[in-house]
PDB file of N, CA and C in Angstrom:
ATOM      1  N   MET A   1     -11.613   9.298   7.302  1.00  0.00           N
ATOM      2  CA  MET A   1     -10.916   9.328   6.037  1.00  0.00           C
ATOM      3  C   MET A   1     -11.355  10.520   5.199  1.00  0.00           C
ATOM      4  N   ALA A   2     -12.616  10.897   5.261  1.00  0.00           N
ATOM      5  CA  ALA A   2     -13.086  12.049   4.493  1.00  0.00           C
ATOM      6  C   ALA A   2     -12.371  13.313   4.944  1.00  0.00           C
ATOM      7  N   LYS A   3     -12.071  13.390   6.251  1.00  0.00           N
ATOM      8  CA  LYS A   3     -11.338  14.545   6.769  1.00  0.00           C
ATOM      9  C   LYS A   3      -9.932  14.596   6.165  1.00  0.00           C
ATOM     10  N   SER A   4      -9.302  13.442   6.023  1.00  0.00           N
ATOM     11  CA  SER A   4      -7.965  13.376   5.417  1.00  0.00           C
ATOM     12  C   SER A   4      -7.984  13.896   3.986  1.00  0.00           C
ATOM     13  N   ILE A   5      -8.994  13.503   3.235  1.00  0.00           N
ATOM     14  CA  ILE A   5      -9.097  13.949   1.840  1.00  0.00           C
ATOM     15  C   ILE A   5      -9.320  15.454   1.784  1.00  0.00           C
ATOM     16  N   ARG A   6     -10.170  15.975   2.672  1.00  0.00           N
ATOM     17  CA  ARG A   6     -10.414  17.426   2.692  1.00  0.00           C
ATOM     18  C   ARG A   6      -9.139  18.195   3.021  1.00  0.00           C
ATOM     19  N   ILE A   7      -8.376  17.709   3.994  1.00  0.00           N
ATOM     20  CA  ILE A   7      -7.115  18.366   4.354  1.00  0.00           C
ATOM     21  C   ILE A   7      -6.157  18.342   3.174  1.00  0.00           C
ATOM     22  N   LEU A   8      -6.041  17.194   2.539  1.00  0.00           N
ATOM     23  CA  LEU A   8      -5.148  17.068   1.390  1.00  0.00           C
ATOM     24  C   LEU A   8      -5.555  18.010   0.264  1.00  0.00           C
ATOM     25  N   LEU A   9      -6.843  18.083  -0.034  1.00  0.00           N
ATOM     26  CA  LEU A   9      -7.325  18.969  -1.095  1.00  0.00           C
ATOM     27  C   LEU A   9      -7.123  20.437  -0.735  1.00  0.00           C
ATOM     28  N   ALA A  10      -7.300  20.785   0.537  1.00  0.00           N
ATOM     29  CA  ALA A  10      -7.090  22.168   0.967  1.00  0.00           C
ATOM     30  C   ALA A  10      -5.626  22.575   0.806  1.00  0.00           C
ATOM     31  N   ILE A  11      -4.714  21.701   1.191  1.00  0.00           N
ATOM     32  CA  ILE A  11      -3.283  22.002   1.037  1.00  0.00           C
ATOM     33  C   ILE A  11      -2.920  22.113  -0.434  1.00  0.00           C
ATOM     34  N   ALA A  12      -3.442  21.210  -1.245  1.00  0.00           N
ATOM     35  CA  ALA A  12      -3.159  21.253  -2.685  1.00  0.00           C
ATOM     36  C   ALA A  12      -3.690  22.542  -3.306  1.00  0.00           C
ATOM     37  N   ALA A  13      -4.873  22.978  -2.888  1.00  0.00           N
ATOM     38  CA  ALA A  13      -5.438  24.222  -3.415  1.00  0.00           C
ATOM     39  C   ALA A  13      -4.614  25.425  -2.960  1.00  0.00           C
ATOM     40  N   TRP A  14      -4.185  25.431  -1.702  1.00  0.00           N
ATOM     41  CA  TRP A  14      -3.396  26.543  -1.155  1.00  0.00           C
ATOM     42  C   TRP A  14      -2.087  26.732  -1.925  1.00  0.00           C
ATOM     43  N   TYR A  15      -1.391  25.622  -2.194  1.00  0.00           N
ATOM     44  CA  TYR A  15      -0.102  25.694  -2.891  1.00  0.00           C
ATOM     45  C   TYR A  15      -0.236  25.581  -4.410  1.00  0.00           C
ATOM     46  N   ASP A  16      -1.453  25.475  -4.909  1.00  0.00           N
ATOM     47  CA  ASP A  16      -1.713  25.329  -6.339  1.00  0.00           C
ATOM     48  C   ASP A  16      -1.044  24.075  -6.908  1.00  0.00           C
ATOM     49  N   TYR A  17      -1.127  22.982  -6.155  1.00  0.00           N
ATOM     50  CA  TYR A  17      -0.578  21.702  -6.593  1.00  0.00           C
ATOM     51  C   TYR A  17      -1.565  20.999  -7.513  1.00  0.00           C
ATOM     52  N   GLU A  18      -1.043  20.178  -8.375  1.00  0.00           N
ATOM     53  CA  GLU A  18      -1.883  19.254  -9.133  1.00  0.00           C
ATOM     54  C   GLU A  18      -2.088  18.014  -8.274  1.00  0.00           C
ATOM     55  N   ILE A  19      -3.215  17.350  -8.475  1.00  0.00           N
ATOM     56  CA  ILE A  19      -3.481  16.113  -7.738  1.00  0.00           C
ATOM     57  C   ILE A  19      -3.555  14.973  -8.738  1.00  0.00           C
ATOM     58  N   TRP A  20      -2.828  13.942  -8.443  1.00  0.00           N
ATOM     59  CA  TRP A  20      -2.792  12.750  -9.288  1.00  0.00           C
ATOM     60  C   TRP A  20      -3.388  11.606  -8.504  1.00  0.00           C
ATOM     61  N   GLN A  21      -4.084  10.736  -9.194  1.00  0.00           N
ATOM     62  CA  GLN A  21      -4.660   9.557  -8.562  1.00  0.00           C
ATOM     63  C   GLN A  21      -4.269   8.333  -9.371  1.00  0.00           C
ATOM     64  N   MET A  22      -4.003   7.249  -8.666  1.00  0.00           N
ATOM     65  CA  MET A  22      -3.769   5.992  -9.361  1.00  0.00           C
ATOM     66  C   MET A  22      -4.310   4.862  -8.507  1.00  0.00           C
ATOM     67  N   ASP A  23      -4.694   3.815  -9.155  1.00  0.00           N
ATOM     68  CA  ASP A  23      -5.236   2.645  -8.484  1.00  0.00           C
ATOM     69  C   ASP A  23      -4.344   1.467  -8.843  1.00  0.00           C
ATOM     70  N   VAL A  24      -3.733   0.877  -7.843  1.00  0.00           N
ATOM     71  CA  VAL A  24      -2.857  -0.267  -8.069  1.00  0.00           C
ATOM     72  C   VAL A  24      -3.687  -1.526  -7.872  1.00  0.00           C
ATOM     73  N   LYS A  25      -4.019  -2.180  -8.967  1.00  0.00           N
ATOM     74  CA  LYS A  25      -4.916  -3.343  -8.914  1.00  0.00           C
ATOM     75  C   LYS A  25      -4.283  -4.548  -8.220  1.00  0.00           C
ATOM     76  N   THR A  26      -2.983  -4.697  -8.332  1.00  0.00           N
ATOM     77  CA  THR A  26      -2.307  -5.870  -7.759  1.00  0.00           C
ATOM     78  C   THR A  26      -1.563  -5.521  -6.477  1.00  0.00           C
ATOM     79  N   VAL A  27      -2.063  -4.541  -5.748  1.00  0.00           N
ATOM     80  CA  VAL A  27      -1.338  -4.034  -4.595  1.00  0.00           C
ATOM     81  C   VAL A  27      -1.097  -5.098  -3.524  1.00  0.00           C
ATOM     82  N   PHE A  28      -2.049  -5.955  -3.256  1.00  0.00           N
ATOM     83  CA  PHE A  28      -1.900  -6.891  -2.153  1.00  0.00           C
ATOM     84  C   PHE A  28      -0.973  -8.060  -2.450  1.00  0.00           C
ATOM     85  N   VAL A  29      -0.596  -8.264  -3.682  1.00  0.00           N
ATOM     86  CA  VAL A  29       0.358  -9.334  -3.975  1.00  0.00           C
ATOM     87  C   VAL A  29       1.790  -8.809  -3.930  1.00  0.00           C
ATOM     88  N   ASN A  30       1.979  -7.559  -3.533  1.00  0.00           N
ATOM     89  CA  ASN A  30       3.315  -6.977  -3.445  1.00  0.00           C
ATOM     90  C   ASN A  30       3.885  -6.996  -2.038  1.00  0.00           C
ATOM     91  N   GLY A  31       3.141  -7.479  -1.072  1.00  0.00           N
ATOM     92  CA  GLY A  31       3.640  -7.564   0.293  1.00  0.00           C
ATOM     93  C   GLY A  31       4.230  -8.934   0.572  1.00  0.00           C
ATOM     94  N   TYR A  32       5.192  -8.968   1.474  1.00  0.00           N
ATOM     95  CA  TYR A  32       5.820 -10.229   1.866  1.00  0.00           C
ATOM     96  C   TYR A  32       5.196 -10.725   3.162  1.00  0.00           C
ATOM     97  N   VAL A  33       5.069 -12.030   3.306  1.00  0.00           N
ATOM     98  CA  VAL A  33       4.521 -12.596   4.539  1.00  0.00           C
ATOM     99  C   VAL A  33       5.653 -12.761   5.541  1.00  0.00           C
ATOM    100  N   GLU A  34       5.338 -12.527   6.816  1.00  0.00           N
ATOM    101  CA  GLU A  34       6.356 -12.587   7.862  1.00  0.00           C
ATOM    102  C   GLU A  34       6.432 -13.953   8.526  1.00  0.00           C
ATOM    103  N   GLU A  35       5.345 -14.695   8.502  1.00  0.00           N
ATOM    104  CA  GLU A  35       5.336 -16.006   9.132  1.00  0.00           C
ATOM    105  C   GLU A  35       5.176 -17.087   8.067  1.00  0.00           C
ATOM    106  N   GLU A  36       5.353 -18.322   8.471  1.00  0.00           N
ATOM    107  CA  GLU A  36       5.195 -19.417   7.517  1.00  0.00           C
ATOM    108  C   GLU A  36       3.714 -19.681   7.285  1.00  0.00           C
ATOM    109  N   ILE A  37       3.296 -19.596   6.028  1.00  0.00           N
ATOM    110  CA  ILE A  37       1.911 -19.859   5.652  1.00  0.00           C
ATOM    111  C   ILE A  37       1.928 -20.856   4.501  1.00  0.00           C
ATOM    112  N   PHE A  38       1.130 -21.900   4.643  1.00  0.00           N
ATOM    113  CA  PHE A  38       1.051 -22.934   3.622  1.00  0.00           C
ATOM    114  C   PHE A  38      -0.350 -22.970   3.042  1.00  0.00           C
ATOM    115  N   MET A  39      -0.455 -23.392   1.790  1.00  0.00           N
ATOM    116  CA  MET A  39      -1.761 -23.524   1.133  1.00  0.00           C
ATOM    117  C   MET A  39      -1.737 -24.747   0.229  1.00  0.00           C
ATOM    118  N   ASP A  40      -2.923 -25.249  -0.078  1.00  0.00           N
ATOM    119  CA  ASP A  40      -3.019 -26.350  -1.032  1.00  0.00           C
ATOM    120  C   ASP A  40      -2.554 -25.873  -2.397  1.00  0.00           C
ATOM    121  N   GLN A  41      -2.117 -26.809  -3.212  1.00  0.00           N
ATOM    122  CA  GLN A  41      -1.696 -26.453  -4.568  1.00  0.00           C
ATOM    123  C   GLN A  41      -2.900 -25.957  -5.366  1.00  0.00           C
ATOM    124  N   PRO A  42      -2.732 -24.878  -6.119  1.00  0.00           N
ATOM    125  CA  PRO A  42      -3.840 -24.385  -6.943  1.00  0.00           C
ATOM    126  C   PRO A  42      -4.189 -25.379  -8.044  1.00  0.00           C
ATOM    127  N   GLU A  43      -5.457 -25.360  -8.459  1.00  0.00           N
ATOM    128  CA  GLU A  43      -5.881 -26.230  -9.553  1.00  0.00           C
ATOM    129  C   GLU A  43      -5.062 -25.929 -10.800  1.00  0.00           C
ATOM    130  N   GLY A  44      -4.655 -26.966 -11.484  1.00  0.00           N
ATOM    131  CA  GLY A  44      -3.878 -26.799 -12.702  1.00  0.00           C
ATOM    132  C   GLY A  44      -2.377 -26.752 -12.463  1.00  0.00           C
ATOM    133  N   PHE A  45      -1.959 -26.672 -11.210  1.00  0.00           N
ATOM    134  CA  PHE A  45      -0.533 -26.603 -10.903  1.00  0.00           C
ATOM    135  C   PHE A  45      -0.042 -27.829 -10.146  1.00  0.00           C
ATOM    136  N   THR A  46      -0.900 -28.799  -9.967  1.00  0.00           N
ATOM    137  CA  THR A  46      -0.497 -29.999  -9.240  1.00  0.00           C
ATOM    138  C   THR A  46       0.316 -30.913 -10.145  1.00  0.00           C
ATOM    139  N   VAL A  47       1.309 -31.540  -9.545  1.00  0.00           N
ATOM    140  CA  VAL A  47       2.153 -32.489 -10.267  1.00  0.00           C
ATOM    141  C   VAL A  47       1.599 -33.887 -10.007  1.00  0.00           C
ATOM    142  N   VAL A  48       1.478 -34.679 -11.052  1.00  0.00           N
ATOM    143  CA  VAL A  48       0.935 -36.032 -10.920  1.00  0.00           C
ATOM    144  C   VAL A  48       1.811 -36.823  -9.950  1.00  0.00           C
ATOM    145  N   GLY A  49       1.164 -37.443  -8.976  1.00  0.00           N
ATOM    146  CA  GLY A  49       1.877 -38.223  -7.972  1.00  0.00           C
ATOM    147  C   GLY A  49       2.274 -37.397  -6.753  1.00  0.00           C
ATOM    148  N   GLU A  50       2.140 -36.078  -6.825  1.00  0.00           N
ATOM    149  CA  GLU A  50       2.502 -35.208  -5.696  1.00  0.00           C
ATOM    150  C   GLU A  50       1.328 -34.313  -5.293  1.00  0.00           C
ATOM    151  N   GLU A  51       0.128 -34.840  -5.428  1.00  0.00           N
ATOM    152  CA  GLU A  51      -1.075 -34.066  -5.127  1.00  0.00           C
ATOM    153  C   GLU A  51      -1.192 -33.708  -3.647  1.00  0.00           C
ATOM    154  N   GLN A  52      -0.531 -34.468  -2.775  1.00  0.00           N
ATOM    155  CA  GLN A  52      -0.630 -34.230  -1.339  1.00  0.00           C
ATOM    156  C   GLN A  52       0.286 -33.099  -0.862  1.00  0.00           C
ATOM    157  N   LYS A  53       1.188 -32.639  -1.709  1.00  0.00           N
ATOM    158  CA  LYS A  53       2.115 -31.574  -1.316  1.00  0.00           C
ATOM    159  C   LYS A  53       1.392 -30.235  -1.234  1.00  0.00           C
ATOM    160  N   VAL A  54       1.954 -29.327  -0.434  1.00  0.00           N
ATOM    161  CA  VAL A  54       1.391 -27.987  -0.266  1.00  0.00           C
ATOM    162  C   VAL A  54       2.430 -26.950  -0.690  1.00  0.00           C
ATOM    163  N   CYS A  55       1.981 -25.722  -0.843  1.00  0.00           N
ATOM    164  CA  CYS A  55       2.871 -24.621  -1.237  1.00  0.00           C
ATOM    165  C   CYS A  55       3.124 -23.721  -0.033  1.00  0.00           C
ATOM    166  N   ARG A  56       4.362 -23.262   0.108  1.00  0.00           N
ATOM    167  CA  ARG A  56       4.703 -22.282   1.145  1.00  0.00           C
ATOM    168  C   ARG A  56       4.704 -20.905   0.492  1.00  0.00           C
ATOM    169  N   LEU A  57       3.910 -19.983   1.047  1.00  0.00           N
ATOM    170  CA  LEU A  57       3.809 -18.642   0.475  1.00  0.00           C
ATOM    171  C   LEU A  57       5.028 -17.805   0.828  1.00  0.00           C
ATOM    172  N   GLN A  58       5.544 -17.098  -0.164  1.00  0.00           N
ATOM    173  CA  GLN A  58       6.617 -16.140   0.067  1.00  0.00           C
ATOM    174  C   GLN A  58       6.081 -14.716  -0.001  1.00  0.00           C
ATOM    175  N   ARG A  59       4.983 -14.539  -0.732  1.00  0.00           N
ATOM    176  CA  ARG A  59       4.341 -13.230  -0.863  1.00  0.00           C
ATOM    177  C   ARG A  59       2.856 -13.381  -0.571  1.00  0.00           C
ATOM    178  N   SER A  60       2.217 -12.254  -0.335  1.00  0.00           N
ATOM    179  CA  SER A  60       0.780 -12.260  -0.046  1.00  0.00           C
ATOM    180  C   SER A  60      -0.027 -12.667  -1.269  1.00  0.00           C
ATOM    181  N   ILE A  61      -1.221 -13.166  -1.010  1.00  0.00           N
ATOM    182  CA  ILE A  61      -2.179 -13.456  -2.073  1.00  0.00           C
ATOM    183  C   ILE A  61      -3.513 -12.840  -1.661  1.00  0.00           C
ATOM    184  N   TYR A  62      -4.406 -12.646  -2.623  1.00  0.00           N
ATOM    185  CA  TYR A  62      -5.727 -12.108  -2.322  1.00  0.00           C
ATOM    186  C   TYR A  62      -6.466 -13.042  -1.384  1.00  0.00           C
ATOM    187  N   GLY A  63      -7.156 -12.464  -0.424  1.00  0.00           N
ATOM    188  CA  GLY A  63      -7.924 -13.246   0.524  1.00  0.00           C
ATOM    189  C   GLY A  63      -7.157 -13.609   1.777  1.00  0.00           C
ATOM    190  N   LEU A  64      -5.862 -13.398   1.785  1.00  0.00           N
ATOM    191  CA  LEU A  64      -5.053 -13.694   2.960  1.00  0.00           C
ATOM    192  C   LEU A  64      -5.309 -12.621   4.017  1.00  0.00           C
ATOM    193  N   LYS A  65      -5.558 -13.031   5.251  1.00  0.00           N
ATOM    194  CA  LYS A  65      -5.883 -12.066   6.304  1.00  0.00           C
ATOM    195  C   LYS A  65      -4.753 -11.064   6.530  1.00  0.00           C
ATOM    196  N   GLN A  66      -3.528 -11.480   6.341  1.00  0.00           N
ATOM    197  CA  GLN A  66      -2.378 -10.621   6.590  1.00  0.00           C
ATOM    198  C   GLN A  66      -2.023  -9.735   5.398  1.00  0.00           C
ATOM    199  N   ALA A  67      -2.751  -9.828   4.292  1.00  0.00           N
ATOM    200  CA  ALA A  67      -2.376  -9.135   3.052  1.00  0.00           C
ATOM    201  C   ALA A  67      -2.300  -7.622   3.226  1.00  0.00           C
ATOM    202  N   PHE A  68      -3.295  -7.007   3.857  1.00  0.00           N
ATOM    203  CA  PHE A  68      -3.282  -5.554   4.016  1.00  0.00           C
ATOM    204  C   PHE A  68      -2.128  -5.116   4.909  1.00  0.00           C
ATOM    205  N   ARG A  69      -1.921  -5.827   6.006  1.00  0.00           N
ATOM    206  CA  ARG A  69      -0.835  -5.465   6.919  1.00  0.00           C
ATOM    207  C   ARG A  69       0.522  -5.609   6.250  1.00  0.00           C
ATOM    208  N   SER A  70       0.736  -6.686   5.514  1.00  0.00           N
ATOM    209  CA  SER A  70       2.035  -6.875   4.859  1.00  0.00           C
ATOM    210  C   SER A  70       2.260  -5.815   3.793  1.00  0.00           C
ATOM    211  N   TRP A  71       1.190  -5.408   3.089  1.00  0.00           N
ATOM    212  CA  TRP A  71       1.330  -4.351   2.090  1.00  0.00           C
ATOM    213  C   TRP A  71       1.675  -3.021   2.747  1.00  0.00           C
ATOM    214  N   THR A  72       0.958  -2.644   3.823  1.00  0.00           N
ATOM    215  CA  THR A  72       1.225  -1.351   4.448  1.00  0.00           C
ATOM    216  C   THR A  72       2.617  -1.308   5.061  1.00  0.00           C
ATOM    217  N   THR A  73       3.080  -2.420   5.610  1.00  0.00           N
ATOM    218  CA  THR A  73       4.445  -2.474   6.135  1.00  0.00           C
ATOM    219  C   THR A  73       5.449  -2.245   5.014  1.00  0.00           C
ATOM    220  N   HIS A  74       5.261  -2.921   3.900  1.00  0.00           N
ATOM    221  CA  HIS A  74       6.147  -2.757   2.741  1.00  0.00           C
ATOM    222  C   HIS A  74       6.063  -1.332   2.195  1.00  0.00           C
ATOM    223  N   PHE A  75       4.851  -0.784   2.083  1.00  0.00           N
ATOM    224  CA  PHE A  75       4.653   0.574   1.579  1.00  0.00           C
ATOM    225  C   PHE A  75       5.361   1.590   2.469  1.00  0.00           C
ATOM    226  N   ASN A  76       5.221   1.441   3.800  1.00  0.00           N
ATOM    227  CA  ASN A  76       5.879   2.361   4.729  1.00  0.00           C
ATOM    228  C   ASN A  76       7.388   2.350   4.562  1.00  0.00           C
ATOM    229  N   GLU A  77       7.977   1.172   4.408  1.00  0.00           N
ATOM    230  CA  GLU A  77       9.428   1.073   4.228  1.00  0.00           C
ATOM    231  C   GLU A  77       9.875   1.764   2.941  1.00  0.00           C
ATOM    232  N   VAL A  78       9.155   1.508   1.858  1.00  0.00           N
ATOM    233  CA  VAL A  78       9.532   2.081   0.560  1.00  0.00           C
ATOM    234  C   VAL A  78       9.375   3.587   0.561  1.00  0.00           C
ATOM    235  N   ILE A  79       8.245   4.090   1.041  1.00  0.00           N
ATOM    236  CA  ILE A  79       7.991   5.529   0.962  1.00  0.00           C
ATOM    237  C   ILE A  79       8.909   6.309   1.901  1.00  0.00           C
ATOM    238  N   ARG A  80       9.283   5.733   3.031  1.00  0.00           N
ATOM    239  CA  ARG A  80      10.260   6.388   3.911  1.00  0.00           C
ATOM    240  C   ARG A  80      11.631   6.454   3.251  1.00  0.00           C
ATOM    241  N   GLY A  81      11.935   5.469   2.427  1.00  0.00           N
ATOM    242  CA  GLY A  81      13.194   5.483   1.686  1.00  0.00           C
ATOM    243  C   GLY A  81      13.294   6.641   0.707  1.00  0.00           C
ATOM    244  N   TYR A  82      12.155   7.180   0.297  1.00  0.00           N
ATOM    245  CA  TYR A  82      12.120   8.338  -0.599  1.00  0.00           C
ATOM    246  C   TYR A  82      12.046   9.656   0.170  1.00  0.00           C
ATOM    247  N   GLY A  83      12.166   9.599   1.487  1.00  0.00           N
ATOM    248  CA  GLY A  83      12.189  10.811   2.289  1.00  0.00           C
ATOM    249  C   GLY A  83      10.846  11.279   2.808  1.00  0.00           C
ATOM    250  N   PHE A  84       9.805  10.476   2.673  1.00  0.00           N
ATOM    251  CA  PHE A  84       8.495  10.852   3.186  1.00  0.00           C
ATOM    252  C   PHE A  84       8.445  10.645   4.698  1.00  0.00           C
ATOM    253  N   ILE A  85       7.663  11.464   5.358  1.00  0.00           N
ATOM    254  CA  ILE A  85       7.465  11.371   6.801  1.00  0.00           C
ATOM    255  C   ILE A  85       5.980  11.135   7.052  1.00  0.00           C
ATOM    256  N   LYS A  86       5.679  10.167   7.916  1.00  0.00           N
ATOM    257  CA  LYS A  86       4.279   9.856   8.232  1.00  0.00           C
ATOM    258  C   LYS A  86       3.707  10.937   9.142  1.00  0.00           C
ATOM    259  N   ASN A  87       2.477  11.320   8.881  1.00  0.00           N
ATOM    260  CA  ASN A  87       1.786  12.312   9.688  1.00  0.00           C
ATOM    261  C   ASN A  87       1.474  11.723  11.058  1.00  0.00           C
ATOM    262  N   ASP A  88       1.703  12.498  12.124  1.00  0.00           N
ATOM    263  CA  ASP A  88       1.459  12.014  13.484  1.00  0.00           C
ATOM    264  C   ASP A  88      -0.023  11.811  13.777  1.00  0.00           C
ATOM    265  N   TYR A  89      -0.886  12.570  13.112  1.00  0.00           N
ATOM    266  CA  TYR A  89      -2.307  12.546  13.428  1.00  0.00           C
ATOM    267  C   TYR A  89      -3.136  11.703  12.466  1.00  0.00           C
ATOM    268  N   ASP A  90      -2.603  11.424  11.312  1.00  0.00           N
ATOM    269  CA  ASP A  90      -3.346  10.657  10.317  1.00  0.00           C
ATOM    270  C   ASP A  90      -2.402   9.643   9.680  1.00  0.00           C
ATOM    271  N   PRO A  91      -2.617   8.349   9.911  1.00  0.00           N
ATOM    272  CA  PRO A  91      -1.679   7.336   9.419  1.00  0.00           C
ATOM    273  C   PRO A  91      -1.665   7.158   7.909  1.00  0.00           C
ATOM    274  N   TYR A  92      -2.582   7.830   7.193  1.00  0.00           N
ATOM    275  CA  TYR A  92      -2.647   7.666   5.750  1.00  0.00           C
ATOM    276  C   TYR A  92      -2.064   8.840   4.980  1.00  0.00           C
ATOM    277  N   ILE A  93      -1.547   9.828   5.666  1.00  0.00           N
ATOM    278  CA  ILE A  93      -0.969  10.986   4.985  1.00  0.00           C
ATOM    279  C   ILE A  93       0.526  11.030   5.256  1.00  0.00           C
ATOM    280  N   TYR A  94       1.288  11.192   4.191  1.00  0.00           N
ATOM    281  CA  TYR A  94       2.738  11.324   4.268  1.00  0.00           C
ATOM    282  C   TYR A  94       3.120  12.664   3.660  1.00  0.00           C
ATOM    283  N   LYS A  95       4.205  13.234   4.147  1.00  0.00           N
ATOM    284  CA  LYS A  95       4.657  14.502   3.587  1.00  0.00           C
ATOM    285  C   LYS A  95       6.151  14.441   3.321  1.00  0.00           C
ATOM    286  N   LYS A  96       6.583  15.312   2.430  1.00  0.00           N
ATOM    287  CA  LYS A  96       8.001  15.451   2.125  1.00  0.00           C
ATOM    288  C   LYS A  96       8.275  16.939   1.990  1.00  0.00           C
ATOM    289  N   ILE A  97       9.197  17.433   2.783  1.00  0.00           N
ATOM    290  CA  ILE A  97       9.507  18.855   2.771  1.00  0.00           C
ATOM    291  C   ILE A  97      10.828  19.053   2.050  1.00  0.00           C
ATOM    292  N   SER A  98      10.810  19.953   1.088  1.00  0.00           N
ATOM    293  CA  SER A  98      12.004  20.271   0.311  1.00  0.00           C
ATOM    294  C   SER A  98      12.280  21.758   0.485  1.00  0.00           C
ATOM    295  N   GLY A  99      13.391  22.084   1.106  1.00  0.00           N
ATOM    296  CA  GLY A  99      13.676  23.486   1.390  1.00  0.00           C
ATOM    297  C   GLY A  99      12.771  23.960   2.512  1.00  0.00           C
ATOM    298  N   ALA A 100      12.199  25.134   2.366  1.00  0.00           N
ATOM    299  CA  ALA A 100      11.326  25.688   3.393  1.00  0.00           C
ATOM    300  C   ALA A 100       9.859  25.453   3.067  1.00  0.00           C
ATOM    301  N   ARG A 101       9.576  24.690   2.038  1.00  0.00           N
ATOM    302  CA  ARG A 101       8.200  24.544   1.572  1.00  0.00           C
ATOM    303  C   ARG A 101       7.789  23.077   1.483  1.00  0.00           C
ATOM    304  N   LEU A 102       6.542  22.829   1.809  1.00  0.00           N
ATOM    305  CA  LEU A 102       5.984  21.489   1.655  1.00  0.00           C
ATOM    306  C   LEU A 102       5.863  21.207   0.168  1.00  0.00           C
ATOM    307  N   ARG A 103       6.572  20.198  -0.298  1.00  0.00           N
ATOM    308  CA  ARG A 103       6.622  19.937  -1.732  1.00  0.00           C
ATOM    309  C   ARG A 103       5.773  18.748  -2.166  1.00  0.00           C
ATOM    310  N   THR A 104       5.648  17.782  -1.322  1.00  0.00           N
ATOM    311  CA  THR A 104       4.991  16.558  -1.765  1.00  0.00           C
ATOM    312  C   THR A 104       4.064  16.015  -0.687  1.00  0.00           C
ATOM    313  N   LEU A 105       2.912  15.574  -1.103  1.00  0.00           N
ATOM    314  CA  LEU A 105       1.971  14.898  -0.218  1.00  0.00           C
ATOM    315  C   LEU A 105       1.591  13.564  -0.836  1.00  0.00           C
ATOM    316  N   CYS A 106       1.365  12.592  -0.003  1.00  0.00           N
ATOM    317  CA  CYS A 106       0.905  11.299  -0.495  1.00  0.00           C
ATOM    318  C   CYS A 106      -0.208  10.843   0.422  1.00  0.00           C
ATOM    319  N   PHE A 107      -1.295  10.412  -0.146  1.00  0.00           N
ATOM    320  CA  PHE A 107      -2.434   9.939   0.632  1.00  0.00           C
ATOM    321  C   PHE A 107      -2.707   8.495   0.263  1.00  0.00           C
ATOM    322  N   MET A 108      -2.836   7.637   1.265  1.00  0.00           N
ATOM    323  CA  MET A 108      -3.114   6.233   1.021  1.00  0.00           C
ATOM    324  C   MET A 108      -4.384   5.872   1.771  1.00  0.00           C
ATOM    325  N   SER A 109      -5.333   5.277   1.104  1.00  0.00           N
ATOM    326  CA  SER A 109      -6.555   4.859   1.792  1.00  0.00           C
ATOM    327  C   SER A 109      -6.989   3.490   1.306  1.00  0.00           C
ATOM    328  N   MET A 110      -7.699   2.798   2.158  1.00  0.00           N
ATOM    329  CA  MET A 110      -8.245   1.496   1.784  1.00  0.00           C
ATOM    330  C   MET A 110      -9.754   1.634   1.696  1.00  0.00           C
ATOM    331  N   ILE A 111     -10.289   1.418   0.535  1.00  0.00           N
ATOM    332  CA  ILE A 111     -11.729   1.481   0.333  1.00  0.00           C
ATOM    333  C   ILE A 111     -12.146   0.176  -0.333  1.00  0.00           C
ATOM    334  N   SER A 112     -12.970  -0.592   0.338  1.00  0.00           N
ATOM    335  CA  SER A 112     -13.464  -1.862  -0.198  1.00  0.00           C
ATOM    336  C   SER A 112     -12.331  -2.729  -0.735  1.00  0.00           C
ATOM    337  N   TYR A 113     -11.312  -2.917   0.085  1.00  0.00           N
ATOM    338  CA  TYR A 113     -10.185  -3.786  -0.257  1.00  0.00           C
ATOM    339  C   TYR A 113      -9.415  -3.269  -1.464  1.00  0.00           C
ATOM    340  N   SER A 114      -9.331  -1.967  -1.606  1.00  0.00           N
ATOM    341  CA  SER A 114      -8.615  -1.378  -2.729  1.00  0.00           C
ATOM    342  C   SER A 114      -7.822  -0.189  -2.234  1.00  0.00           C
ATOM    343  N   LEU A 115      -6.584  -0.061  -2.654  1.00  0.00           N
ATOM    344  CA  LEU A 115      -5.779   1.098  -2.275  1.00  0.00           C
ATOM    345  C   LEU A 115      -5.771   2.107  -3.398  1.00  0.00           C
ATOM    346  N   ARG A 116      -5.951   3.363  -3.026  1.00  0.00           N
ATOM    347  CA  ARG A 116      -5.835   4.446  -3.998  1.00  0.00           C
ATOM    348  C   ARG A 116      -4.833   5.430  -3.437  1.00  0.00           C
ATOM    349  N   MET A 117      -3.962   5.894  -4.268  1.00  0.00           N
ATOM    350  CA  MET A 117      -2.992   6.874  -3.812  1.00  0.00           C
ATOM    351  C   MET A 117      -3.143   8.158  -4.594  1.00  0.00           C
ATOM    352  N   MET A 118      -3.203   9.250  -3.881  1.00  0.00           N
ATOM    353  CA  MET A 118      -3.205  10.563  -4.510  1.00  0.00           C
ATOM    354  C   MET A 118      -1.821  11.137  -4.232  1.00  0.00           C
ATOM    355  N   LEU A 119      -1.134  11.523  -5.255  1.00  0.00           N
ATOM    356  CA  LEU A 119       0.277  11.821  -5.103  1.00  0.00           C
ATOM    357  C   LEU A 119       0.660  13.052  -5.895  1.00  0.00           C
ATOM    358  N   ARG A 120       1.396  13.923  -5.282  1.00  0.00           N
ATOM    359  CA  ARG A 120       1.937  15.111  -5.968  1.00  0.00           C
ATOM    360  C   ARG A 120       3.447  14.992  -5.919  1.00  0.00           C
ATOM    361  N   CYS A 121       4.086  14.821  -7.059  1.00  0.00           N
ATOM    362  CA  CYS A 121       5.544  14.653  -7.110  1.00  0.00           C
ATOM    363  C   CYS A 121       6.187  15.841  -7.781  1.00  0.00           C
TER     364      CYS A 121
END
């Protein structure tokens, strides 16, 4: 991953790009689950007389093993819709070419269960 950051910074320096960083705190709750997953009702949300019922998840929640995969699948679909192309050698770098020049880079990394994106738009 450090190599990816160095490559991204070198390209940004070469083209005199600005680098932007953002941290999406709720990133893992934005992915959809592909299989049926059930969980007990959260405390405070149980209905009297229906305590034995469970909830079916429609979206990811923190702590779910599939959360990172569902987020990256969703992220890949969205970013490709904006014309980004995934790098063949590094799965965390995306590029967008406008005209004859590389115009946009996007870097996605997972560090301690957190996604950070460095983006030049």
